[in-house]
Amino acid sequence: MHQFITGHSFSGTSGKSIDVINPATSEVVASVGLASLADLELAVAAARSAFPSWSRTAPGERAGILQKFARIVEERADEFSRVESSQTGKPLRLTREFDIPGTIDNIDFFAGAARHLEGKATAEYSPQHTSSIRREAIGVVGAIAPWNYPLQMAAWKILPAIAAGNTIVLKPAEITPLTSLMFAQALTDAGLPDGVVNVVVGDGHTVGAALMRHPDVDMVSFTGSTAVGRTVLEAAAVNAKRVHLELGGKAPFVVFDDANVDAAVHGAVAGSLINTGQDCTAATRAIVHRSVYDEFVAKVAARFDSITLGAPDDTAADLGPLVSFKQRDHVAGMVERARGYSKIMAGGFAPSDGSLGRGAFYRPTLVVDAAPDSEIVKDEVFGPVLAVIPFDTDDEGIRLANDTVYGLAASAWTNNLQRALRATREIKAGCVWVNDHVPIISEMPHGGFKQSGFGKDMSAYSFEEYTQVKHVMFELDGLAEKDWHRTIFTLR
């Protein structure tokens, strides 16, 4: 199964293929025939053809399909977990306890949310008229998803779009397409009409770019790097499409002097290493009050050194590999450059012995003594690397937290209510946790400020991205001559 269009799977017709590699073992998981531009045309045409009927389908019927879909994914949870692990290198512990349950919960949420699209109350805002609001589907959505959470990102793109009555063409990352294709097949098995969800696996520079620019695509939704996000904006501008972007992050992790240091240490380790650090919300900049700085650094370094690396099915493993050797080399390069201006307190190397040497593994790495404007502190690493910098006053801590072009997520660690309230008010990020970092829930929105993009995934707020508001006004008096007409011509 390489492409999924009009409810059926088939191989791409580009004549090119790509091997999906398990980054823990370097073994080939599957070979996928890539889509051609002709395949993309078929997918967009299928979505366009399915839109009129699907957009008029009653919300309750849409909800029923999604409810059935949730139970199918639940029944196939082990298969989804294993395939997700094999194409990304994620430990089975993570896919079984985080990726798959989170996806099922998302499906259940949108099954209910499909029946609760809201608008302003129907009323007489002008004495001579009754006004009402219709919230309508936009049309065909073109979506591009990243490789770090293939299944969850497919869910985040597809679910709000179709729950609101849109149809969609999804292009997953070509190195991790397998669970997105399984997701689409399971939707069809649940009774979703053909053409509502289509998945094309193709090269980003050709198929992805064409999807963004396609004249029959009404909206584009992209999750990925800020650099690529700029090209998406440029492509969408040609046809003035609606755009939804979730881009990079460099999340600050601010530890105040009254924080529970042990809790902050555990939070920093979990928050920086989740998904091997390949998470836009990962804690990547620990900004720690000088009074607890040394204790924090020593305890995080010890915890990093205790982390066990291993293959996805290794129950003793805490951390898997990076998604590819290319990504591992990117991370290693940033760390090597950091050696010239900072100190590595833990990790800083790729294991070369035994089974770990065959995979794209990299030790959890703790960096200190780096300047706030250095590359390792300012730029997104997207790997298991945490940089720690000190601060002396609350003003300085919050200033350092905001000293970034990104604004996706942040956390503040304190037992002082006023300090927590100030941090949540003044830190510029789409999500600010207090005394935790990373947890997300289906009922709450996920999205960024500044160069982390705009628009929301998950929650009822995501419908703002995938619907458009129409004002409908009914004249009440039945008069041919309206009083306001005299502003245009003389009434006789």
Protein backbone atom coordinates (compact mmCIF):
# COMPACT_ATOMS: atom_id res chain seq x y z
CA MET A 1 0.00 0.00 0.00
CA HIS A 2 1.82 3.10 -1.28
CA GLN A 3 -0.90 5.64 -2.15
CA PHE A 4 -4.51 5.87 -0.97
CA ILE A 5 -6.93 7.59 -3.34
CA THR A 6 -10.72 7.24 -3.68
CA GLY A 7 -10.78 4.57 -1.00
CA HIS A 8 -8.24 2.32 -2.70
CA SER A 9 -4.53 1.71 -2.36
CA PHE A 10 -2.05 1.38 -5.21
CA SER A 11 1.58 2.03 -6.04
CA GLY A 12 2.75 5.44 -7.15
CA THR A 13 3.38 5.94 -10.85
CA SER A 14 6.48 8.17 -10.68
CA GLY A 15 8.77 5.22 -11.39
CA LYS A 16 10.70 6.12 -8.23
CA SER A 17 10.60 4.43 -4.85
CA ILE A 18 11.94 4.99 -1.37
CA ASP A 19 12.92 2.51 1.30
CA VAL A 20 11.40 3.04 4.72
CA ILE A 21 14.26 2.30 7.12
CA ASN A 22 14.09 1.26 10.76
CA PRO A 23 16.63 3.71 12.20
CA ALA A 24 17.35 1.41 15.15
CA THR A 25 18.62 -1.44 12.96
CA SER A 26 19.13 0.08 9.49
CA GLU A 27 16.84 -2.64 8.13
CA VAL A 28 14.37 -1.94 5.32
CA VAL A 29 10.80 -2.01 6.65
CA ALA A 30 9.07 -1.41 3.32
CA SER A 31 9.72 -0.07 -0.15
CA VAL A 32 7.22 2.57 -1.24
CA GLY A 33 6.51 3.59 -4.82
CA LEU A 34 6.40 7.37 -4.87
CA ALA A 35 3.52 9.39 -6.29
CA SER A 36 3.78 11.27 -9.55
CA LEU A 37 2.15 14.61 -10.28
CA ALA A 38 -0.52 12.64 -12.14
CA ASP A 39 -1.27 10.71 -8.93
CA LEU A 40 -1.61 14.02 -7.08
CA GLU A 41 -4.08 15.22 -9.72
CA LEU A 42 -6.17 12.10 -9.13
CA ALA A 43 -6.13 12.67 -5.38
CA VAL A 44 -7.16 16.33 -5.61
CA ALA A 45 -9.88 15.47 -8.14
CA ALA A 46 -11.17 12.74 -5.82
CA ALA A 47 -11.30 15.16 -2.89
CA ARG A 48 -13.02 17.81 -5.01
CA SER A 49 -15.60 15.30 -6.25
CA ALA A 50 -16.34 14.03 -2.73
CA PHE A 51 -16.67 17.48 -1.17
CA PRO A 52 -20.26 18.46 -2.13
CA SER A 53 -21.78 15.30 -0.68
CA TRP A 54 -19.54 15.10 2.39
CA SER A 55 -19.99 18.77 3.29
CA ARG A 56 -23.77 18.24 3.29
CA THR A 57 -23.58 15.05 5.35
CA ALA A 58 -25.32 15.52 8.69
CA PRO A 59 -22.94 16.10 11.61
CA GLY A 60 -24.41 13.12 13.42
CA GLU A 61 -23.54 10.85 10.49
CA ARG A 62 -19.99 12.17 10.38
CA ALA A 63 -19.74 11.59 14.12
CA GLY A 64 -20.98 8.01 13.76
CA ILE A 65 -18.26 7.18 11.24
CA LEU A 66 -15.59 8.66 13.51
CA GLN A 67 -16.91 6.73 16.51
CA LYS A 68 -16.68 3.48 14.56
CA PHE A 69 -13.23 4.51 13.33
CA ALA A 70 -11.99 5.00 16.90
CA ARG A 71 -12.98 1.45 17.80
CA ILE A 72 -11.22 0.06 14.69
CA VAL A 73 -7.97 1.82 15.62
CA GLU A 74 -8.41 0.57 19.17
CA GLU A 75 -8.77 -3.00 17.91
CA ARG A 76 -5.66 -2.60 15.73
CA ALA A 77 -3.65 -0.71 18.36
CA ASP A 78 -0.86 -3.27 18.54
CA GLU A 79 -0.37 -3.26 14.77
CA PHE A 80 -0.32 0.55 14.68
CA SER A 81 2.17 0.60 17.58
CA ARG A 82 4.55 -1.82 15.93
CA VAL A 83 4.46 -0.16 12.51
CA GLU A 84 4.96 3.28 14.05
CA SER A 85 7.94 1.97 16.01
CA SER A 86 9.47 0.26 13.00
CA GLN A 87 9.43 3.34 10.77
CA THR A 88 10.53 5.88 13.39
CA GLY A 89 12.61 3.88 15.87
CA LYS A 90 10.33 4.91 18.74
CA PRO A 91 10.31 2.54 21.72
CA LEU A 92 7.17 0.43 21.80
CA ARG A 93 6.63 1.81 25.28
CA LEU A 94 6.16 5.27 23.75
CA THR A 95 3.92 4.24 20.86
CA ARG A 96 1.76 1.99 23.05
CA GLU A 97 1.36 4.42 25.91
CA PHE A 98 1.49 7.80 24.14
CA ASP A 99 1.12 7.86 20.35
CA ILE A 100 -1.70 5.34 19.90
CA PRO A 101 -3.83 6.20 22.97
CA GLY A 102 -3.47 9.89 22.15
CA THR A 103 -4.64 9.27 18.59
CA ILE A 104 -7.66 7.26 19.72
CA ASP A 105 -8.59 9.99 22.18
CA ASN A 106 -8.34 12.56 19.37
CA ILE A 107 -10.71 10.52 17.24
CA ASP A 108 -13.21 10.20 20.07
CA PHE A 109 -12.99 13.93 20.74
CA PHE A 110 -13.68 14.94 17.14
CA ALA A 111 -16.50 12.42 16.88
CA GLY A 112 -18.25 14.48 19.55
CA ALA A 113 -17.02 17.87 18.34
CA ALA A 114 -18.44 17.24 14.86
CA ARG A 115 -21.91 17.80 16.35
CA HIS A 116 -21.04 21.05 18.14
CA LEU A 117 -19.95 23.62 15.57
CA GLU A 118 -20.75 26.98 17.13
CA GLY A 119 -21.76 30.37 15.76
CA LYS A 120 -23.24 33.61 17.03
CA ALA A 121 -26.87 33.43 18.17
CA THR A 122 -29.57 34.09 15.58
CA ALA A 123 -31.03 37.46 16.53
CA GLU A 124 -32.14 40.92 15.38
CA TYR A 125 -28.97 42.98 15.50
CA SER A 126 -30.78 45.42 13.20
CA PRO A 127 -34.52 45.99 13.95
CA GLN A 128 -35.51 45.23 10.37
CA HIS A 129 -33.44 42.07 9.95
CA THR A 130 -32.72 38.70 11.49
CA SER A 131 -29.07 37.68 11.26
CA SER A 132 -27.61 34.23 11.67
CA ILE A 133 -24.23 32.60 11.25
CA ARG A 134 -23.43 29.59 9.15
CA ARG A 135 -20.12 27.86 9.80
CA GLU A 136 -19.25 26.08 6.58
CA ALA A 137 -16.49 23.76 5.42
CA ILE A 138 -13.77 25.41 3.35
CA GLY A 139 -13.42 22.72 0.68
CA VAL A 140 -10.38 20.66 -0.25
CA VAL A 141 -7.55 20.76 2.29
CA GLY A 142 -3.97 20.07 1.23
CA ALA A 143 -1.96 18.94 4.25
CA ILE A 144 1.70 18.10 4.76
CA ALA A 145 2.70 16.21 7.91
CA PRO A 146 6.17 15.71 9.44
CA TRP A 147 8.10 12.58 10.33
CA ASN A 148 8.42 12.93 14.10
CA TYR A 149 4.86 11.84 14.99
CA PRO A 150 3.56 10.30 11.75
CA LEU A 151 0.33 8.83 13.14
CA GLN A 152 -0.56 11.65 15.50
CA MET A 153 0.17 14.31 12.89
CA ALA A 154 -2.03 12.49 10.37
CA ALA A 155 -4.79 12.54 12.98
CA TRP A 156 -4.28 16.20 13.79
CA LYS A 157 -4.57 17.10 10.09
CA ILE A 158 -7.36 14.76 9.04
CA LEU A 159 -9.76 14.73 11.98
CA PRO A 160 -10.76 18.40 12.33
CA ALA A 161 -10.84 18.78 8.56
CA ILE A 162 -13.31 15.96 7.90
CA ALA A 163 -15.29 16.50 11.12
CA ALA A 164 -16.05 20.01 9.83
CA GLY A 165 -17.11 18.67 6.42
CA ASN A 166 -13.96 19.19 4.36
CA THR A 167 -12.16 16.66 2.21
CA ILE A 168 -8.39 16.28 2.35
CA VAL A 169 -5.26 15.24 0.51
CA LEU A 170 -2.50 14.41 2.98
CA LYS A 171 1.16 14.12 2.08
CA PRO A 172 3.02 12.43 4.93
CA ALA A 173 6.78 12.55 5.19
CA GLU A 174 8.04 10.06 2.62
CA ILE A 175 10.40 8.42 5.14
CA THR A 176 7.54 7.60 7.57
CA PRO A 177 4.33 7.11 5.54
CA LEU A 178 3.13 3.71 6.72
CA THR A 179 0.76 4.54 9.59
CA SER A 180 -0.79 7.43 7.64
CA LEU A 181 -1.77 4.94 4.93
CA MET A 182 -3.09 2.54 7.57
CA PHE A 183 -5.06 5.43 9.10
CA ALA A 184 -6.76 6.21 5.79
CA GLN A 185 -7.60 2.54 5.18
CA ALA A 186 -9.15 2.24 8.65
CA LEU A 187 -11.31 5.29 7.94
CA THR A 188 -12.61 3.62 4.80
CA ASP A 189 -13.26 0.46 6.80
CA ALA A 190 -15.32 2.60 9.19
CA GLY A 191 -17.55 3.75 6.34
CA LEU A 192 -15.97 7.02 5.25
CA PRO A 193 -17.03 7.75 1.66
CA ASP A 194 -14.40 7.33 -1.04
CA GLY A 195 -12.41 10.45 -1.81
CA VAL A 196 -12.95 12.22 1.52
CA VAL A 197 -9.45 11.27 2.72
CA ASN A 198 -6.61 10.69 0.25
CA VAL A 199 -2.93 10.06 1.02
CA VAL A 200 -0.15 10.66 -1.49
CA VAL A 201 3.42 9.66 -0.68
CA GLY A 202 5.73 11.75 -2.78
CA ASP A 203 8.77 13.98 -2.77
CA GLY A 204 8.26 17.29 -1.00
CA HIS A 205 10.01 19.36 -3.66
CA THR A 206 7.68 18.11 -6.40
CA VAL A 207 4.45 16.56 -5.09
CA GLY A 208 4.40 18.59 -1.87
CA ALA A 209 5.06 21.86 -3.66
CA ALA A 210 2.41 21.08 -6.28
CA LEU A 211 -0.14 20.25 -3.57
CA MET A 212 0.41 23.62 -1.91
CA ARG A 213 -0.01 25.49 -5.20
CA HIS A 214 -2.84 23.46 -6.67
CA PRO A 215 -5.73 25.69 -7.81
CA ASP A 216 -8.34 23.16 -6.62
CA VAL A 217 -6.92 23.09 -3.09
CA ASP A 218 -8.75 25.65 -0.95
CA MET A 219 -6.60 25.51 2.17
CA VAL A 220 -3.11 24.34 3.10
CA SER A 221 -2.05 22.97 6.47
CA PHE A 222 1.62 22.37 7.16
CA THR A 223 3.60 21.12 10.14
CA GLY A 224 7.37 21.25 9.92
CA SER A 225 10.30 23.62 9.99
CA THR A 226 9.95 27.38 9.95
CA ALA A 227 12.15 27.60 6.85
CA VAL A 228 9.83 25.34 4.84
CA GLY A 229 6.82 27.09 6.37
CA ARG A 230 7.90 30.30 4.64
CA THR A 231 7.83 28.55 1.26
CA VAL A 232 4.34 27.23 2.05
CA LEU A 233 3.17 30.79 2.71
CA GLU A 234 4.65 31.91 -0.60
CA ALA A 235 2.98 29.04 -2.46
CA ALA A 236 -0.40 29.66 -0.86
CA ALA A 237 -0.23 33.37 -1.66
CA VAL A 238 -0.52 32.63 -5.38
CA ASN A 239 -4.18 31.63 -4.97
CA ALA A 240 -4.81 33.43 -1.64
CA LYS A 241 -5.49 30.14 0.15
CA ARG A 242 -6.27 29.76 3.82
CA VAL A 243 -3.06 28.71 5.61
CA HIS A 244 -2.48 26.87 8.87
CA LEU A 245 1.12 26.49 10.06
CA GLU A 246 2.65 24.68 13.04
CA LEU A 247 6.37 25.27 12.81
CA GLY A 248 9.54 25.01 14.87
CA GLY A 249 10.13 25.64 18.55
CA LYS A 250 12.83 26.32 21.10
CA ALA A 251 10.88 25.88 24.29
CA PRO A 252 12.16 27.65 27.41
CA PHE A 253 12.08 25.72 30.69
CA VAL A 254 12.29 28.41 33.40
CA VAL A 255 13.27 27.23 36.90
CA PHE A 256 12.79 29.89 39.58
CA ASP A 257 14.62 29.91 42.90
CA ASP A 258 11.64 28.55 44.87
CA ALA A 259 11.01 25.59 42.53
CA ASN A 260 11.08 21.97 43.64
CA VAL A 261 14.44 21.18 42.06
CA ASP A 262 13.92 17.42 41.93
CA ALA A 263 10.58 17.91 40.16
CA ALA A 264 12.22 20.32 37.74
CA VAL A 265 15.04 17.84 37.04
CA HIS A 266 12.59 15.04 36.27
CA GLY A 267 10.53 17.42 34.14
CA ALA A 268 13.58 18.60 32.21
CA VAL A 269 14.77 15.07 31.47
CA ALA A 270 11.34 13.93 30.33
CA GLY A 271 10.60 17.16 28.50
CA SER A 272 13.88 17.26 26.61
CA LEU A 273 14.14 13.57 25.73
CA ILE A 274 10.57 12.76 24.69
CA ASN A 275 10.63 11.19 21.24
CA THR A 276 14.45 11.44 21.40
CA GLY A 277 14.06 15.22 21.48
CA GLN A 278 12.34 15.25 18.10
CA ASP A 279 9.42 17.30 19.34
CA CYS A 280 8.67 20.96 18.60
CA THR A 281 7.53 21.47 22.19
CA ALA A 282 10.52 19.69 23.75
CA ALA A 283 12.29 21.47 26.61
CA THR A 284 15.46 22.62 24.88
CA ARG A 285 16.51 25.73 26.84
CA ALA A 286 16.62 25.34 30.62
CA ILE A 287 16.80 28.84 32.11
CA VAL A 288 17.69 28.24 35.74
CA HIS A 289 18.04 30.62 38.68
CA ARG A 290 21.66 30.87 39.73
CA SER A 291 20.90 29.78 43.30
CA VAL A 292 19.79 26.31 42.13
CA TYR A 293 21.78 26.17 38.87
CA ASP A 294 24.62 23.91 40.04
CA GLU A 295 22.27 21.44 41.71
CA PHE A 296 20.02 21.31 38.65
CA VAL A 297 22.93 20.76 36.24
CA ALA A 298 24.49 18.01 38.36
CA LYS A 299 21.24 16.10 38.77
CA VAL A 300 20.22 16.38 35.10
CA ALA A 301 23.69 15.21 34.01
CA ALA A 302 23.47 12.18 36.31
CA ARG A 303 20.01 11.33 35.00
CA PHE A 304 21.13 11.74 31.37
CA ASP A 305 24.06 9.41 31.99
CA SER A 306 21.69 6.77 33.38
CA ILE A 307 19.45 6.71 30.28
CA THR A 308 19.50 3.38 28.41
CA LEU A 309 19.44 3.42 24.61
CA GLY A 310 17.98 0.52 22.70
CA ALA A 311 15.84 -0.85 19.90
CA PRO A 312 12.06 -0.27 19.94
CA ASP A 313 11.27 -3.76 21.22
CA ASP A 314 13.90 -3.62 23.98
CA THR A 315 11.79 -3.33 27.13
CA ALA A 316 14.82 -2.09 29.09
CA ALA A 317 15.44 0.80 26.70
CA ASP A 318 14.47 4.34 27.68
CA LEU A 319 15.35 6.06 24.43
CA GLY A 320 15.32 5.07 20.79
CA PRO A 321 17.35 6.38 17.86
CA LEU A 322 16.81 9.53 15.88
CA VAL A 323 14.61 9.07 12.84
CA SER A 324 17.53 8.81 10.40
CA PHE A 325 21.30 8.99 10.15
CA LYS A 326 20.85 12.34 8.42
CA GLN A 327 19.07 13.70 11.48
CA ARG A 328 21.63 12.15 13.83
CA ASP A 329 24.45 13.81 11.90
CA HIS A 330 22.62 17.14 12.05
CA VAL A 331 22.38 16.87 15.85
CA ALA A 332 25.99 15.72 16.17
CA GLY A 333 27.17 18.61 14.04
CA MET A 334 25.48 21.18 16.26
CA VAL A 335 26.95 19.58 19.38
CA GLU A 336 30.45 19.45 17.86
CA ARG A 337 30.28 23.14 17.01
CA ALA A 338 29.09 23.86 20.55
CA ARG A 339 32.27 22.30 21.98
CA GLY A 340 34.12 25.37 20.79
CA TYR A 341 32.13 27.78 22.96
CA SER A 342 30.51 25.71 25.74
CA LYS A 343 30.97 22.68 27.97
CA ILE A 344 29.39 19.24 27.47
CA MET A 345 28.35 17.87 30.87
CA ALA A 346 26.78 14.62 29.61
CA GLY A 347 26.59 12.70 26.35
CA GLY A 348 27.80 14.44 23.23
CA PHE A 349 28.49 11.36 21.11
CA ALA A 350 26.92 8.60 19.04
CA PRO A 351 27.47 5.05 20.36
CA SER A 352 29.59 2.99 18.00
CA ASP A 353 29.61 -0.46 19.63
CA GLY A 354 27.34 -3.46 19.13
CA SER A 355 23.74 -3.10 18.00
CA LEU A 356 23.67 0.61 18.88
CA GLY A 357 26.40 1.21 16.33
CA ARG A 358 24.08 0.02 13.56
CA GLY A 359 21.41 2.56 14.41
CA ALA A 360 21.01 6.34 14.41
CA PHE A 361 21.47 6.63 18.18
CA TYR A 362 22.83 9.64 20.05
CA ARG A 363 23.47 9.97 23.77
CA PRO A 364 21.37 12.48 25.75
CA THR A 365 23.50 15.61 25.81
CA LEU A 366 23.68 18.41 28.37
CA VAL A 367 25.35 21.68 27.36
CA VAL A 368 26.33 24.48 29.78
CA ASP A 369 28.29 27.73 29.62
CA ALA A 370 26.86 28.63 26.20
CA ALA A 371 26.00 32.27 25.55
CA PRO A 372 22.29 33.07 25.13
CA ASP A 373 22.91 34.08 21.52
CA SER A 374 24.90 30.95 20.58
CA GLU A 375 23.65 28.45 18.00
CA ILE A 376 22.96 25.65 20.49
CA VAL A 377 20.76 27.98 22.57
CA LYS A 378 19.02 29.85 19.75
CA ASP A 379 18.48 27.29 16.99
CA GLU A 380 16.28 24.20 16.91
CA VAL A 381 18.36 21.04 17.36
CA PHE A 382 15.52 18.49 17.18
CA GLY A 383 17.45 15.88 19.11
CA PRO A 384 18.21 14.81 22.71
CA VAL A 385 20.08 18.00 23.62
CA LEU A 386 19.38 20.38 26.51
CA ALA A 387 21.22 23.67 26.95
CA VAL A 388 21.21 25.29 30.41
CA ILE A 389 21.79 28.98 31.09
CA PRO A 390 21.56 30.85 34.42
CA PHE A 391 19.58 33.95 35.43
CA ASP A 392 19.53 36.17 38.51
CA THR A 393 16.18 38.00 38.56
CA ASP A 394 12.63 37.19 37.49
CA ASP A 395 12.80 39.94 34.89
CA GLU A 396 15.92 38.38 33.39
CA GLY A 397 14.44 34.88 33.42
CA ILE A 398 11.33 35.96 31.51
CA ARG A 399 13.40 38.09 29.13
CA LEU A 400 15.60 35.09 28.30
CA ALA A 401 12.52 32.90 27.84
CA ASN A 402 11.22 35.34 25.23
CA ASP A 403 14.61 35.83 23.58
CA THR A 404 13.73 33.61 20.62
CA VAL A 405 12.00 33.85 17.26
CA TYR A 406 9.87 30.87 18.31
CA GLY A 407 6.82 30.72 20.54
CA LEU A 408 5.27 27.27 20.53
CA ALA A 409 5.58 26.11 24.15
CA ALA A 410 7.24 26.94 27.46
CA SER A 411 7.13 25.99 31.12
CA ALA A 412 7.62 27.79 34.42
CA TRP A 413 8.72 25.99 37.58
CA THR A 414 7.74 27.72 40.80
CA ASN A 415 5.64 27.27 43.95
CA ASN A 416 4.72 30.96 44.05
CA LEU A 417 1.28 31.73 42.63
CA GLN A 418 2.02 35.32 41.69
CA ARG A 419 5.26 34.33 39.99
CA ALA A 420 3.44 31.58 38.05
CA LEU A 421 0.69 33.98 36.97
CA ARG A 422 3.26 36.49 35.79
CA ALA A 423 5.18 33.86 33.83
CA THR A 424 2.07 32.53 32.11
CA ARG A 425 1.04 36.08 31.20
CA GLU A 426 4.40 37.35 29.96
CA ILE A 427 6.02 34.35 28.26
CA LYS A 428 5.06 34.53 24.60
CA ALA A 429 4.12 30.98 23.63
CA GLY A 430 1.02 29.12 22.55
CA CYS A 431 1.17 26.88 25.62
CA VAL A 432 2.76 27.61 29.01
CA TRP A 433 2.85 24.79 31.53
CA VAL A 434 3.41 25.36 35.24
CA ASN A 435 5.45 22.66 37.01
CA ASP A 436 5.20 20.29 34.06
CA HIS A 437 6.27 20.17 30.43
CA VAL A 438 4.85 18.35 27.37
CA PRO A 439 1.39 16.95 28.36
CA ILE A 440 -1.27 17.73 25.77
CA ILE A 441 -4.99 16.96 25.78
CA SER A 442 -7.53 16.75 23.00
CA GLU A 443 -9.81 19.37 24.55
CA MET A 444 -7.14 22.10 24.53
CA PRO A 445 -5.53 23.82 21.50
CA HIS A 446 -1.97 23.35 20.29
CA GLY A 447 -0.32 26.05 18.23
CA GLY A 448 2.31 28.75 18.30
CA PHE A 449 3.14 32.42 18.39
CA LYS A 450 5.75 34.30 16.33
CA GLN A 451 7.76 32.10 13.92
CA SER A 452 6.25 28.95 15.39
CA GLY A 453 3.30 29.57 13.10
CA PHE A 454 -0.37 30.35 13.54
CA GLY A 455 -3.59 28.43 13.90
CA LYS A 456 -4.51 25.63 16.26
CA ASP A 457 -4.50 21.85 16.18
CA MET A 458 -6.78 19.76 18.39
CA SER A 459 -9.71 21.09 20.44
CA ALA A 460 -12.77 22.95 19.22
CA TYR A 461 -10.46 25.86 18.36
CA SER A 462 -9.13 23.87 15.40
CA PHE A 463 -12.51 24.30 13.70
CA GLU A 464 -11.62 27.98 13.34
CA GLU A 465 -8.94 26.83 10.89
CA TYR A 466 -11.07 24.39 8.91
CA THR A 467 -14.32 26.35 8.60
CA GLN A 468 -15.38 29.70 7.23
CA VAL A 469 -18.06 31.93 8.70
CA LYS A 470 -20.96 33.13 6.59
CA HIS A 471 -23.38 35.86 7.68
CA VAL A 472 -27.00 35.28 6.54
CA MET A 473 -29.46 38.18 6.90
CA PHE A 474 -33.26 38.05 6.47
CA GLU A 475 -35.26 41.22 5.88
CA LEU A 476 -38.34 41.25 8.13
CA ASP A 477 -40.66 44.09 7.03
CA GLY A 478 -41.42 43.12 3.45
CA LEU A 479 -41.15 46.73 2.30
CA ALA A 480 -40.00 47.58 -1.22
CA GLU A 481 -38.68 50.95 -0.09
CA LYS A 482 -36.19 50.79 2.75
CA ASP A 483 -35.29 53.87 4.76
CA TRP A 484 -31.58 53.42 4.00
CA HIS A 485 -32.31 53.66 0.25
CA ARG A 486 -32.58 57.47 0.58
CA THR A 487 -28.81 57.59 1.07
CA ILE A 488 -28.51 56.37 -2.53
CA PHE A 489 -31.48 57.94 -4.34
CA THR A 490 -34.51 60.15 -3.60
CA LEU A 491 -37.57 58.18 -2.53
CA ARG A 492 -40.84 59.18 -4.28
